[in-house]
Amino acid sequence: QVQLVESGGGLVRPGGPLRLSCVASGSIWDMDSMYWYRQPPGQQRAFVAGVHGRTRSNQLSHDSVKGRVTASWDPAKGTGYLLMTDLTPADTAVYFCNERSNTDSFWGQGTQVTVSS
């Protein structure tokens, strides 16, 4: 089992940056990838960005945030980060981190990000 805890959410001004953290505990040595998802109000959870593979050689991001987002992950330490720039109200959502092994998938409880002036 792996437990994930996100932090760093809150109120962000339009145009501002965002830095979210995800700390994992438990059987972190089994994890193969780490992803970030978000769920805007009234919408489904959707992929944002992530890192595939413990060598961290494959970084991914959704087209809607490409160029504004960077995901990083240190599987040995069990820490991951999501950096976003130029936030708009459309980025308002609950953000979740997700870690996966070959057989399991674990989610954090989410952190609320609200972009508003």
PDB file of N, CA and C in Angstrom:
ATOM      1  N   GLN A   1       0.827  -1.198   0.000  1.00  0.00           N
ATOM      2  CA  GLN A   1       0.000   0.000   0.000  1.00  0.00           C
ATOM      3  C   GLN A   1       0.862   1.249   0.000  1.00  0.00           C
ATOM      4  N   VAL A   2       0.356   2.272  -0.620  1.00  0.00           N
ATOM      5  CA  VAL A   2       1.023   3.566  -0.684  1.00  0.00           C
ATOM      6  C   VAL A   2       0.017   4.634  -0.288  1.00  0.00           C
ATOM      7  N   GLN A   3       0.451   5.527   0.564  1.00  0.00           N
ATOM      8  CA  GLN A   3      -0.376   6.666   0.952  1.00  0.00           C
ATOM      9  C   GLN A   3       0.222   7.929   0.330  1.00  0.00           C
ATOM     10  N   LEU A   4      -0.642   8.747  -0.243  1.00  0.00           N
ATOM     11  CA  LEU A   4      -0.211   9.972  -0.919  1.00  0.00           C
ATOM     12  C   LEU A   4      -0.885  11.170  -0.277  1.00  0.00           C
ATOM     13  N   VAL A   5      -0.111  12.220  -0.065  1.00  0.00           N
ATOM     14  CA  VAL A   5      -0.657  13.446   0.516  1.00  0.00           C
ATOM     15  C   VAL A   5      -0.215  14.624  -0.341  1.00  0.00           C
ATOM     16  N   GLU A   6      -1.199  15.326  -0.907  1.00  0.00           N
ATOM     17  CA  GLU A   6      -0.906  16.521  -1.690  1.00  0.00           C
ATOM     18  C   GLU A   6      -0.937  17.760  -0.799  1.00  0.00           C
ATOM     19  N   SER A   7      -0.187  18.772  -1.211  1.00  0.00           N
ATOM     20  CA  SER A   7      -0.225  20.058  -0.516  1.00  0.00           C
ATOM     21  C   SER A   7       0.165  21.156  -1.493  1.00  0.00           C
ATOM     22  N   GLY A   8      -0.068  22.381  -1.086  1.00  0.00           N
ATOM     23  CA  GLY A   8       0.310  23.528  -1.911  1.00  0.00           C
ATOM     24  C   GLY A   8      -0.839  24.226  -2.585  1.00  0.00           C
ATOM     25  N   GLY A   9      -2.039  23.711  -2.424  1.00  0.00           N
ATOM     26  CA  GLY A   9      -3.192  24.356  -3.038  1.00  0.00           C
ATOM     27  C   GLY A   9      -3.602  25.610  -2.275  1.00  0.00           C
ATOM     28  N   GLY A  10      -4.603  26.277  -2.810  1.00  0.00           N
ATOM     29  CA  GLY A  10      -5.114  27.496  -2.191  1.00  0.00           C
ATOM     30  C   GLY A  10      -5.561  28.473  -3.242  1.00  0.00           C
ATOM     31  N   LEU A  11      -5.616  29.741  -2.869  1.00  0.00           N
ATOM     32  CA  LEU A  11      -6.030  30.796  -3.781  1.00  0.00           C
ATOM     33  C   LEU A  11      -4.813  31.325  -4.533  1.00  0.00           C
ATOM     34  N   VAL A  12      -4.936  31.357  -5.847  1.00  0.00           N
ATOM     35  CA  VAL A  12      -3.855  31.837  -6.705  1.00  0.00           C
ATOM     36  C   VAL A  12      -4.407  32.942  -7.596  1.00  0.00           C
ATOM     37  N   ARG A  13      -3.656  34.005  -7.757  1.00  0.00           N
ATOM     38  CA  ARG A  13      -4.083  35.106  -8.633  1.00  0.00           C
ATOM     39  C   ARG A  13      -3.890  34.721 -10.099  1.00  0.00           C
ATOM     40  N   PRO A  14      -4.756  35.182 -10.974  1.00  0.00           N
ATOM     41  CA  PRO A  14      -4.559  34.910 -12.404  1.00  0.00           C
ATOM     42  C   PRO A  14      -3.176  35.381 -12.859  1.00  0.00           C
ATOM     43  N   GLY A  15      -2.550  34.538 -13.651  1.00  0.00           N
ATOM     44  CA  GLY A  15      -1.208  34.832 -14.122  1.00  0.00           C
ATOM     45  C   GLY A  15      -0.120  34.346 -13.202  1.00  0.00           C
ATOM     46  N   GLY A  16      -0.503  33.925 -12.017  1.00  0.00           N
ATOM     47  CA  GLY A  16       0.481  33.495 -11.038  1.00  0.00           C
ATOM     48  C   GLY A  16       0.948  32.072 -11.246  1.00  0.00           C
ATOM     49  N   PRO A  17       1.978  31.683 -10.510  1.00  0.00           N
ATOM     50  CA  PRO A  17       2.478  30.316 -10.559  1.00  0.00           C
ATOM     51  C   PRO A  17       1.836  29.461  -9.470  1.00  0.00           C
ATOM     52  N   LEU A  18       2.014  28.158  -9.640  1.00  0.00           N
ATOM     53  CA  LEU A  18       1.500  27.193  -8.680  1.00  0.00           C
ATOM     54  C   LEU A  18       2.531  26.103  -8.509  1.00  0.00           C
ATOM     55  N   ARG A  19       2.734  25.702  -7.263  1.00  0.00           N
ATOM     56  CA  ARG A  19       3.644  24.578  -6.979  1.00  0.00           C
ATOM     57  C   ARG A  19       2.947  23.642  -6.008  1.00  0.00           C
ATOM     58  N   LEU A  20       2.623  22.476  -6.508  1.00  0.00           N
ATOM     59  CA  LEU A  20       1.994  21.449  -5.684  1.00  0.00           C
ATOM     60  C   LEU A  20       3.006  20.368  -5.350  1.00  0.00           C
ATOM     61  N   SER A  21       2.852  19.809  -4.155  1.00  0.00           N
ATOM     62  CA  SER A  21       3.718  18.725  -3.708  1.00  0.00           C
ATOM     63  C   SER A  21       2.897  17.480  -3.440  1.00  0.00           C
ATOM     64  N   CYS A  22       3.535  16.333  -3.615  1.00  0.00           N
ATOM     65  CA  CYS A  22       2.908  15.052  -3.302  1.00  0.00           C
ATOM     66  C   CYS A  22       3.944  14.199  -2.583  1.00  0.00           C
ATOM     67  N   VAL A  23       3.608  13.819  -1.369  1.00  0.00           N
ATOM     68  CA  VAL A  23       4.520  13.000  -0.570  1.00  0.00           C
ATOM     69  C   VAL A  23       3.919  11.613  -0.413  1.00  0.00           C
ATOM     70  N   ALA A  24       4.708  10.607  -0.750  1.00  0.00           N
ATOM     71  CA  ALA A  24       4.267   9.221  -0.676  1.00  0.00           C
ATOM     72  C   ALA A  24       4.929   8.513   0.490  1.00  0.00           C
ATOM     73  N   SER A  25       4.201   7.592   1.089  1.00  0.00           N
ATOM     74  CA  SER A  25       4.739   6.738   2.135  1.00  0.00           C
ATOM     75  C   SER A  25       4.221   5.323   1.912  1.00  0.00           C
ATOM     76  N   GLY A  26       4.911   4.361   2.507  1.00  0.00           N
ATOM     77  CA  GLY A  26       4.523   2.966   2.322  1.00  0.00           C
ATOM     78  C   GLY A  26       5.451   2.278   1.336  1.00  0.00           C
ATOM     79  N   SER A  27       4.898   1.452   0.485  1.00  0.00           N
ATOM     80  CA  SER A  27       5.685   0.629  -0.444  1.00  0.00           C
ATOM     81  C   SER A  27       6.076   1.397  -1.696  1.00  0.00           C
ATOM     82  N   ILE A  28       6.798   2.487  -1.505  1.00  0.00           N
ATOM     83  CA  ILE A  28       7.087   3.379  -2.626  1.00  0.00           C
ATOM     84  C   ILE A  28       8.058   2.752  -3.621  1.00  0.00           C
ATOM     85  N   TRP A  29       8.817   1.729  -3.215  1.00  0.00           N
ATOM     86  CA  TRP A  29       9.802   1.136  -4.123  1.00  0.00           C
ATOM     87  C   TRP A  29       9.149   0.367  -5.253  1.00  0.00           C
ATOM     88  N   ASP A  30       7.850   0.054  -5.104  1.00  0.00           N
ATOM     89  CA  ASP A  30       7.134  -0.673  -6.148  1.00  0.00           C
ATOM     90  C   ASP A  30       6.556   0.248  -7.224  1.00  0.00           C
ATOM     91  N   MET A  31       6.565   1.551  -6.957  1.00  0.00           N
ATOM     92  CA  MET A  31       5.891   2.463  -7.864  1.00  0.00           C
ATOM     93  C   MET A  31       6.689   2.678  -9.137  1.00  0.00           C
ATOM     94  N   ASP A  32       5.977   2.704 -10.272  1.00  0.00           N
ATOM     95  CA  ASP A  32       6.616   2.829 -11.577  1.00  0.00           C
ATOM     96  C   ASP A  32       6.420   4.206 -12.195  1.00  0.00           C
ATOM     97  N   SER A  33       5.340   4.889 -11.818  1.00  0.00           N
ATOM     98  CA  SER A  33       5.037   6.169 -12.442  1.00  0.00           C
ATOM     99  C   SER A  33       4.266   7.046 -11.468  1.00  0.00           C
ATOM    100  N   MET A  34       4.295   8.349 -11.760  1.00  0.00           N
ATOM    101  CA  MET A  34       3.578   9.299 -10.933  1.00  0.00           C
ATOM    102  C   MET A  34       2.895  10.319 -11.834  1.00  0.00           C
ATOM    103  N   TYR A  35       1.611  10.544 -11.603  1.00  0.00           N
ATOM    104  CA  TYR A  35       0.832  11.441 -12.448  1.00  0.00           C
ATOM    105  C   TYR A  35       0.063  12.454 -11.604  1.00  0.00           C
ATOM    106  N   TRP A  36      -0.301  13.541 -12.266  1.00  0.00           N
ATOM    107  CA  TRP A  36      -1.176  14.550 -11.665  1.00  0.00           C
ATOM    108  C   TRP A  36      -2.458  14.629 -12.492  1.00  0.00           C
ATOM    109  N   TYR A  37      -3.577  14.674 -11.787  1.00  0.00           N
ATOM    110  CA  TYR A  37      -4.895  14.843 -12.397  1.00  0.00           C
ATOM    111  C   TYR A  37      -5.577  16.035 -11.724  1.00  0.00           C
ATOM    112  N   ARG A  38      -6.619  16.532 -12.362  1.00  0.00           N
ATOM    113  CA  ARG A  38      -7.419  17.579 -11.739  1.00  0.00           C
ATOM    114  C   ARG A  38      -8.880  17.384 -12.082  1.00  0.00           C
ATOM    115  N   GLN A  39      -9.742  17.885 -11.187  1.00  0.00           N
ATOM    116  CA  GLN A  39     -11.178  17.773 -11.374  1.00  0.00           C
ATOM    117  C   GLN A  39     -11.805  19.137 -11.147  1.00  0.00           C
ATOM    118  N   PRO A  40     -12.122  19.841 -12.232  1.00  0.00           N
ATOM    119  CA  PRO A  40     -12.801  21.143 -12.094  1.00  0.00           C
ATOM    120  C   PRO A  40     -14.210  20.951 -11.558  1.00  0.00           C
ATOM    121  N   PRO A  41     -14.823  21.992 -11.036  1.00  0.00           N
ATOM    122  CA  PRO A  41     -16.191  21.876 -10.495  1.00  0.00           C
ATOM    123  C   PRO A  41     -17.155  21.351 -11.547  1.00  0.00           C
ATOM    124  N   GLY A  42     -17.892  20.306 -11.207  1.00  0.00           N
ATOM    125  CA  GLY A  42     -18.897  19.755 -12.097  1.00  0.00           C
ATOM    126  C   GLY A  42     -18.353  18.969 -13.268  1.00  0.00           C
ATOM    127  N   GLN A  43     -17.060  18.699 -13.284  1.00  0.00           N
ATOM    128  CA  GLN A  43     -16.473  17.966 -14.399  1.00  0.00           C
ATOM    129  C   GLN A  43     -15.780  16.697 -13.910  1.00  0.00           C
ATOM    130  N   GLN A  44     -15.386  15.885 -14.847  1.00  0.00           N
ATOM    131  CA  GLN A  44     -14.697  14.642 -14.511  1.00  0.00           C
ATOM    132  C   GLN A  44     -13.209  14.905 -14.252  1.00  0.00           C
ATOM    133  N   ARG A  45     -12.606  13.993 -13.546  1.00  0.00           N
ATOM    134  CA  ARG A  45     -11.175  14.061 -13.298  1.00  0.00           C
ATOM    135  C   ARG A  45     -10.427  13.840 -14.608  1.00  0.00           C
ATOM    136  N   ALA A  46      -9.393  14.636 -14.848  1.00  0.00           N
ATOM    137  CA  ALA A  46      -8.671  14.566 -16.112  1.00  0.00           C
ATOM    138  C   ALA A  46      -7.170  14.647 -15.874  1.00  0.00           C
ATOM    139  N   PHE A  47      -6.427  14.011 -16.737  1.00  0.00           N
ATOM    140  CA  PHE A  47      -4.970  13.986 -16.665  1.00  0.00           C
ATOM    141  C   PHE A  47      -4.390  15.372 -16.928  1.00  0.00           C
ATOM    142  N   VAL A  48      -3.347  15.720 -16.149  1.00  0.00           N
ATOM    143  CA  VAL A  48      -2.654  16.992 -16.350  1.00  0.00           C
ATOM    144  C   VAL A  48      -1.224  16.757 -16.831  1.00  0.00           C
ATOM    145  N   ALA A  49      -0.459  16.030 -16.033  1.00  0.00           N
ATOM    146  CA  ALA A  49       0.957  15.815 -16.364  1.00  0.00           C
ATOM    147  C   ALA A  49       1.477  14.676 -15.515  1.00  0.00           C
ATOM    148  N   GLY A  50       2.661  14.179 -15.856  1.00  0.00           N
ATOM    149  CA  GLY A  50       3.221  13.121 -15.057  1.00  0.00           C
ATOM    150  C   GLY A  50       4.566  12.658 -15.552  1.00  0.00           C
ATOM    151  N   VAL A  51       5.105  11.715 -14.822  1.00  0.00           N
ATOM    152  CA  VAL A  51       6.403  11.123 -15.135  1.00  0.00           C
ATOM    153  C   VAL A  51       6.215   9.611 -15.176  1.00  0.00           C
ATOM    154  N   HIS A  52       6.611   9.026 -16.309  1.00  0.00           N
ATOM    155  CA  HIS A  52       6.450   7.581 -16.472  1.00  0.00           C
ATOM    156  C   HIS A  52       7.800   6.909 -16.373  1.00  0.00           C
ATOM    157  N   GLY A  53       7.923   5.963 -15.446  1.00  0.00           N
ATOM    158  CA  GLY A  53       9.149   5.214 -15.319  1.00  0.00           C
ATOM    159  C   GLY A  53      10.041   5.743 -14.214  1.00  0.00           C
ATOM    160  N   ARG A  54      10.669   4.837 -13.470  1.00  0.00           N
ATOM    161  CA  ARG A  54      11.511   5.253 -12.356  1.00  0.00           C
ATOM    162  C   ARG A  54      12.777   5.971 -12.822  1.00  0.00           C
ATOM    163  N   THR A  55      13.144   5.784 -14.072  1.00  0.00           N
ATOM    164  CA  THR A  55      14.288   6.537 -14.595  1.00  0.00           C
ATOM    165  C   THR A  55      13.889   7.960 -14.957  1.00  0.00           C
ATOM    166  N   ARG A  56      12.581   8.232 -14.896  1.00  0.00           N
ATOM    167  CA  ARG A  56      12.038   9.582 -15.146  1.00  0.00           C
ATOM    168  C   ARG A  56      12.381  10.089 -16.535  1.00  0.00           C
ATOM    169  N   SER A  57      12.486   9.160 -17.465  1.00  0.00           N
ATOM    170  CA  SER A  57      12.885   9.545 -18.820  1.00  0.00           C
ATOM    171  C   SER A  57      11.719   9.994 -19.674  1.00  0.00           C
ATOM    172  N   ASN A  58      10.518   9.771 -19.225  1.00  0.00           N
ATOM    173  CA  ASN A  58       9.358  10.089 -20.048  1.00  0.00           C
ATOM    174  C   ASN A  58       8.421  11.005 -19.283  1.00  0.00           C
ATOM    175  N   GLN A  59       8.469  12.298 -19.563  1.00  0.00           N
ATOM    176  CA  GLN A  59       7.600  13.263 -18.928  1.00  0.00           C
ATOM    177  C   GLN A  59       6.454  13.594 -19.875  1.00  0.00           C
ATOM    178  N   LEU A  60       5.272  13.635 -19.324  1.00  0.00           N
ATOM    179  CA  LEU A  60       4.064  13.779 -20.115  1.00  0.00           C
ATOM    180  C   LEU A  60       3.276  14.991 -19.645  1.00  0.00           C
ATOM    181  N   SER A  61       2.506  15.582 -20.538  1.00  0.00           N
ATOM    182  CA  SER A  61       1.574  16.630 -20.147  1.00  0.00           C
ATOM    183  C   SER A  61       0.438  16.694 -21.159  1.00  0.00           C
ATOM    184  N   HIS A  62      -0.724  17.079 -20.663  1.00  0.00           N
ATOM    185  CA  HIS A  62      -1.889  17.217 -21.532  1.00  0.00           C
ATOM    186  C   HIS A  62      -1.701  18.425 -22.441  1.00  0.00           C
ATOM    187  N   ASP A  63      -2.243  18.338 -23.634  1.00  0.00           N
ATOM    188  CA  ASP A  63      -2.096  19.428 -24.605  1.00  0.00           C
ATOM    189  C   ASP A  63      -2.638  20.752 -24.062  1.00  0.00           C
ATOM    190  N   SER A  64      -3.655  20.688 -23.212  1.00  0.00           N
ATOM    191  CA  SER A  64      -4.278  21.919 -22.721  1.00  0.00           C
ATOM    192  C   SER A  64      -3.370  22.714 -21.791  1.00  0.00           C
ATOM    193  N   VAL A  65      -2.348  22.076 -21.234  1.00  0.00           N
ATOM    194  CA  VAL A  65      -1.437  22.769 -20.316  1.00  0.00           C
ATOM    195  C   VAL A  65       0.002  22.723 -20.797  1.00  0.00           C
ATOM    196  N   LYS A  66       0.220  22.158 -21.960  1.00  0.00           N
ATOM    197  CA  LYS A  66       1.588  22.009 -22.459  1.00  0.00           C
ATOM    198  C   LYS A  66       2.262  23.376 -22.565  1.00  0.00           C
ATOM    199  N   GLY A  67       3.504  23.439 -22.086  1.00  0.00           N
ATOM    200  CA  GLY A  67       4.246  24.692 -22.088  1.00  0.00           C
ATOM    201  C   GLY A  67       4.082  25.478 -20.810  1.00  0.00           C
ATOM    202  N   ARG A  68       3.085  25.114 -19.999  1.00  0.00           N
ATOM    203  CA  ARG A  68       2.850  25.815 -18.725  1.00  0.00           C
ATOM    204  C   ARG A  68       3.091  24.933 -17.519  1.00  0.00           C
ATOM    205  N   VAL A  69       3.360  23.668 -17.744  1.00  0.00           N
ATOM    206  CA  VAL A  69       3.411  22.738 -16.631  1.00  0.00           C
ATOM    207  C   VAL A  69       4.665  21.872 -16.689  1.00  0.00           C
ATOM    208  N   THR A  70       5.185  21.585 -15.516  1.00  0.00           N
ATOM    209  CA  THR A  70       6.314  20.665 -15.362  1.00  0.00           C
ATOM    210  C   THR A  70       6.041  19.746 -14.194  1.00  0.00           C
ATOM    211  N   ALA A  71       6.103  18.454 -14.460  1.00  0.00           N
ATOM    212  CA  ALA A  71       5.964  17.464 -13.393  1.00  0.00           C
ATOM    213  C   ALA A  71       7.331  16.862 -13.107  1.00  0.00           C
ATOM    214  N   SER A  72       7.629  16.694 -11.845  1.00  0.00           N
ATOM    215  CA  SER A  72       8.877  16.053 -11.458  1.00  0.00           C
ATOM    216  C   SER A  72       8.591  15.018 -10.389  1.00  0.00           C
ATOM    217  N   TRP A  73       9.507  14.051 -10.278  1.00  0.00           N
ATOM    218  CA  TRP A  73       9.275  12.939  -9.360  1.00  0.00           C
ATOM    219  C   TRP A  73      10.599  12.347  -8.950  1.00  0.00           C
ATOM    220  N   ASP A  74      10.756  12.119  -7.650  1.00  0.00           N
ATOM    221  CA  ASP A  74      11.901  11.403  -7.120  1.00  0.00           C
ATOM    222  C   ASP A  74      11.376  10.124  -6.479  1.00  0.00           C
ATOM    223  N   PRO A  75      11.364   9.019  -7.205  1.00  0.00           N
ATOM    224  CA  PRO A  75      10.770   7.794  -6.673  1.00  0.00           C
ATOM    225  C   PRO A  75      11.479   7.252  -5.441  1.00  0.00           C
ATOM    226  N   ALA A  76      12.777   7.514  -5.313  1.00  0.00           N
ATOM    227  CA  ALA A  76      13.515   7.026  -4.146  1.00  0.00           C
ATOM    228  C   ALA A  76      13.080   7.752  -2.872  1.00  0.00           C
ATOM    229  N   LYS A  77      12.753   9.029  -3.015  1.00  0.00           N
ATOM    230  CA  LYS A  77      12.326   9.812  -1.863  1.00  0.00           C
ATOM    231  C   LYS A  77      10.813   9.814  -1.686  1.00  0.00           C
ATOM    232  N   GLY A  78      10.105   9.411  -2.726  1.00  0.00           N
ATOM    233  CA  GLY A  78       8.650   9.420  -2.643  1.00  0.00           C
ATOM    234  C   GLY A  78       8.053  10.796  -2.709  1.00  0.00           C
ATOM    235  N   THR A  79       8.697  11.702  -3.413  1.00  0.00           N
ATOM    236  CA  THR A  79       8.186  13.063  -3.531  1.00  0.00           C
ATOM    237  C   THR A  79       7.981  13.425  -4.991  1.00  0.00           C
ATOM    238  N   GLY A  80       6.931  14.177  -5.233  1.00  0.00           N
ATOM    239  CA  GLY A  80       6.647  14.655  -6.575  1.00  0.00           C
ATOM    240  C   GLY A  80       6.144  16.075  -6.525  1.00  0.00           C
ATOM    241  N   TYR A  81       6.310  16.776  -7.636  1.00  0.00           N
ATOM    242  CA  TYR A  81       5.911  18.169  -7.692  1.00  0.00           C
ATOM    243  C   TYR A  81       5.236  18.453  -9.029  1.00  0.00           C
ATOM    244  N   LEU A  82       4.317  19.415  -8.979  1.00  0.00           N
ATOM    245  CA  LEU A  82       3.689  19.929 -10.185  1.00  0.00           C
ATOM    246  C   LEU A  82       3.881  21.436 -10.185  1.00  0.00           C
ATOM    247  N   LEU A  83       4.555  21.941 -11.196  1.00  0.00           N
ATOM    248  CA  LEU A  83       4.755  23.375 -11.344  1.00  0.00           C
ATOM    249  C   LEU A  83       3.924  23.870 -12.521  1.00  0.00           C
ATOM    250  N   MET A  84       3.121  24.886 -12.286  1.00  0.00           N
ATOM    251  CA  MET A  84       2.307  25.474 -13.350  1.00  0.00           C
ATOM    252  C   MET A  84       2.505  26.974 -13.363  1.00  0.00           C
ATOM    253  N   THR A  85       2.491  27.556 -14.535  1.00  0.00           N
ATOM    254  CA  THR A  85       2.626  29.002 -14.681  1.00  0.00           C
ATOM    255  C   THR A  85       1.427  29.569 -15.422  1.00  0.00           C
ATOM    256  N   ASP A  86       1.294  30.905 -15.375  1.00  0.00           N
ATOM    257  CA  ASP A  86       0.252  31.608 -16.130  1.00  0.00           C
ATOM    258  C   ASP A  86      -1.135  31.030 -15.867  1.00  0.00           C
ATOM    259  N   LEU A  87      -1.476  30.882 -14.621  1.00  0.00           N
ATOM    260  CA  LEU A  87      -2.762  30.277 -14.274  1.00  0.00           C
ATOM    261  C   LEU A  87      -3.922  31.179 -14.665  1.00  0.00           C
ATOM    262  N   THR A  88      -5.011  30.560 -15.058  1.00  0.00           N
ATOM    263  CA  THR A  88      -6.258  31.246 -15.367  1.00  0.00           C
ATOM    264  C   THR A  88      -7.375  30.616 -14.530  1.00  0.00           C
ATOM    265  N   PRO A  89      -8.543  31.260 -14.471  1.00  0.00           N
ATOM    266  CA  PRO A  89      -9.655  30.654 -13.733  1.00  0.00           C
ATOM    267  C   PRO A  89     -10.008  29.247 -14.224  1.00  0.00           C
ATOM    268  N   ALA A  90      -9.685  28.942 -15.478  1.00  0.00           N
ATOM    269  CA  ALA A  90      -9.957  27.600 -16.004  1.00  0.00           C
ATOM    270  C   ALA A  90      -9.103  26.535 -15.332  1.00  0.00           C
ATOM    271  N   ASP A  91      -8.066  26.938 -14.623  1.00  0.00           N
ATOM    272  CA  ASP A  91      -7.224  25.985 -13.907  1.00  0.00           C
ATOM    273  C   ASP A  91      -7.767  25.679 -12.514  1.00  0.00           C
ATOM    274  N   THR A  92      -8.859  26.316 -12.126  1.00  0.00           N
ATOM    275  CA  THR A  92      -9.485  26.034 -10.832  1.00  0.00           C
ATOM    276  C   THR A  92      -9.977  24.595 -10.804  1.00  0.00           C
ATOM    277  N   ALA A  93      -9.545  23.852  -9.792  1.00  0.00           N
ATOM    278  CA  ALA A  93      -9.891  22.433  -9.715  1.00  0.00           C
ATOM    279  C   ALA A  93      -9.328  21.857  -8.430  1.00  0.00           C
ATOM    280  N   VAL A  94      -9.748  20.645  -8.126  1.00  0.00           N
ATOM    281  CA  VAL A  94      -9.068  19.842  -7.106  1.00  0.00           C
ATOM    282  C   VAL A  94      -7.992  19.041  -7.841  1.00  0.00           C
ATOM    283  N   TYR A  95      -6.769  19.141  -7.357  1.00  0.00           N
ATOM    284  CA  TYR A  95      -5.638  18.469  -7.991  1.00  0.00           C
ATOM    285  C   TYR A  95      -5.259  17.234  -7.171  1.00  0.00           C
ATOM    286  N   PHE A  96      -5.066  16.129  -7.890  1.00  0.00           N
ATOM    287  CA  PHE A  96      -4.754  14.845  -7.268  1.00  0.00           C
ATOM    288  C   PHE A  96      -3.436  14.301  -7.802  1.00  0.00           C
ATOM    289  N   CYS A  97      -2.657  13.673  -6.935  1.00  0.00           N
ATOM    290  CA  CYS A  97      -1.519  12.909  -7.434  1.00  0.00           C
ATOM    291  C   CYS A  97      -1.883  11.424  -7.425  1.00  0.00           C
ATOM    292  N   ASN A  98      -1.260  10.706  -8.325  1.00  0.00           N
ATOM    293  CA  ASN A  98      -1.573   9.297  -8.560  1.00  0.00           C
ATOM    294  C   ASN A  98      -0.265   8.560  -8.804  1.00  0.00           C
ATOM    295  N   GLU A  99      -0.003   7.527  -8.056  1.00  0.00           N
ATOM    296  CA  GLU A  99       1.176   6.697  -8.298  1.00  0.00           C
ATOM    297  C   GLU A  99       0.730   5.284  -8.648  1.00  0.00           C
ATOM    298  N   ARG A 100       1.486   4.682  -9.574  1.00  0.00           N
ATOM    299  CA  ARG A 100       1.104   3.365 -10.072  1.00  0.00           C
ATOM    300  C   ARG A 100       2.291   2.414 -10.094  1.00  0.00           C
ATOM    301  N   SER A 101       1.976   1.155  -9.794  1.00  0.00           N
ATOM    302  CA  SER A 101       2.914   0.074 -10.032  1.00  0.00           C
ATOM    303  C   SER A 101       2.376  -0.726 -11.217  1.00  0.00           C
ATOM    304  N   ASN A 102       2.945  -1.877 -11.473  1.00  0.00           N
ATOM    305  CA  ASN A 102       2.428  -2.728 -12.553  1.00  0.00           C
ATOM    306  C   ASN A 102       1.030  -3.245 -12.254  1.00  0.00           C
ATOM    307  N   THR A 103       0.677  -3.293 -10.973  1.00  0.00           N
ATOM    308  CA  THR A 103      -0.588  -3.913 -10.597  1.00  0.00           C
ATOM    309  C   THR A 103      -1.526  -3.007  -9.816  1.00  0.00           C
ATOM    310  N   ASP A 104      -1.034  -1.903  -9.255  1.00  0.00           N
ATOM    311  CA  ASP A 104      -1.860  -1.086  -8.376  1.00  0.00           C
ATOM    312  C   ASP A 104      -1.813   0.380  -8.771  1.00  0.00           C
ATOM    313  N   SER A 105      -2.820   1.110  -8.285  1.00  0.00           N
ATOM    314  CA  SER A 105      -2.912   2.538  -8.516  1.00  0.00           C
ATOM    315  C   SER A 105      -3.394   3.190  -7.225  1.00  0.00           C
ATOM    316  N   PHE A 106      -2.696   4.223  -6.789  1.00  0.00           N
ATOM    317  CA  PHE A 106      -3.021   4.881  -5.528  1.00  0.00           C
ATOM    318  C   PHE A 106      -3.253   6.379  -5.757  1.00  0.00           C
ATOM    319  N   TRP A 107      -4.195   6.923  -4.992  1.00  0.00           N
ATOM    320  CA  TRP A 107      -4.571   8.326  -5.130  1.00  0.00           C
ATOM    321  C   TRP A 107      -4.441   9.061  -3.803  1.00  0.00           C
ATOM    322  N   GLY A 108      -4.089  10.322  -3.894  1.00  0.00           N
ATOM    323  CA  GLY A 108      -4.162  11.181  -2.733  1.00  0.00           C
ATOM    324  C   GLY A 108      -5.572  11.712  -2.564  1.00  0.00           C
ATOM    325  N   GLN A 109      -5.758  12.499  -1.516  1.00  0.00           N
ATOM    326  CA  GLN A 109      -7.094  13.015  -1.222  1.00  0.00           C
ATOM    327  C   GLN A 109      -7.403  14.279  -2.012  1.00  0.00           C
ATOM    328  N   GLY A 110      -6.388  14.867  -2.630  1.00  0.00           N
ATOM    329  CA  GLY A 110      -6.592  16.051  -3.455  1.00  0.00           C
ATOM    330  C   GLY A 110      -6.341  17.344  -2.697  1.00  0.00           C
ATOM    331  N   THR A 111      -5.992  18.375  -3.443  1.00  0.00           N
ATOM    332  CA  THR A 111      -5.814  19.705  -2.873  1.00  0.00           C
ATOM    333  C   THR A 111      -6.515  20.717  -3.784  1.00  0.00           C
ATOM    334  N   GLN A 112      -7.277  21.600  -3.185  1.00  0.00           N
ATOM    335  CA  GLN A 112      -8.072  22.563  -3.952  1.00  0.00           C
ATOM    336  C   GLN A 112      -7.202  23.728  -4.408  1.00  0.00           C
ATOM    337  N   VAL A 113      -7.313  24.052  -5.684  1.00  0.00           N
ATOM    338  CA  VAL A 113      -6.657  25.232  -6.248  1.00  0.00           C
ATOM    339  C   VAL A 113      -7.743  26.125  -6.836  1.00  0.00           C
ATOM    340  N   THR A 114      -7.791  27.355  -6.400  1.00  0.00           N
ATOM    341  CA  THR A 114      -8.764  28.319  -6.901  1.00  0.00           C
ATOM    342  C   THR A 114      -8.018  29.503  -7.492  1.00  0.00           C
ATOM    343  N   VAL A 115      -8.262  29.771  -8.753  1.00  0.00           N
ATOM    344  CA  VAL A 115      -7.616  30.891  -9.437  1.00  0.00           C
ATOM    345  C   VAL A 115      -8.630  32.013  -9.560  1.00  0.00           C
ATOM    346  N   SER A 116      -8.374  33.087  -8.857  1.00  0.00           N
ATOM    347  CA  SER A 116      -9.328  34.198  -8.824  1.00  0.00           C
ATOM    348  C   SER A 116      -8.621  35.462  -8.383  1.00  0.00           C
ATOM    349  N   SER A 117      -9.122  36.588  -8.867  1.00  0.00           N
ATOM    350  CA  SER A 117      -8.580  37.869  -8.434  1.00  0.00           C
ATOM    351  C   SER A 117      -9.374  38.421  -7.255  1.00  0.00           C
TER     352      SER A 117
END
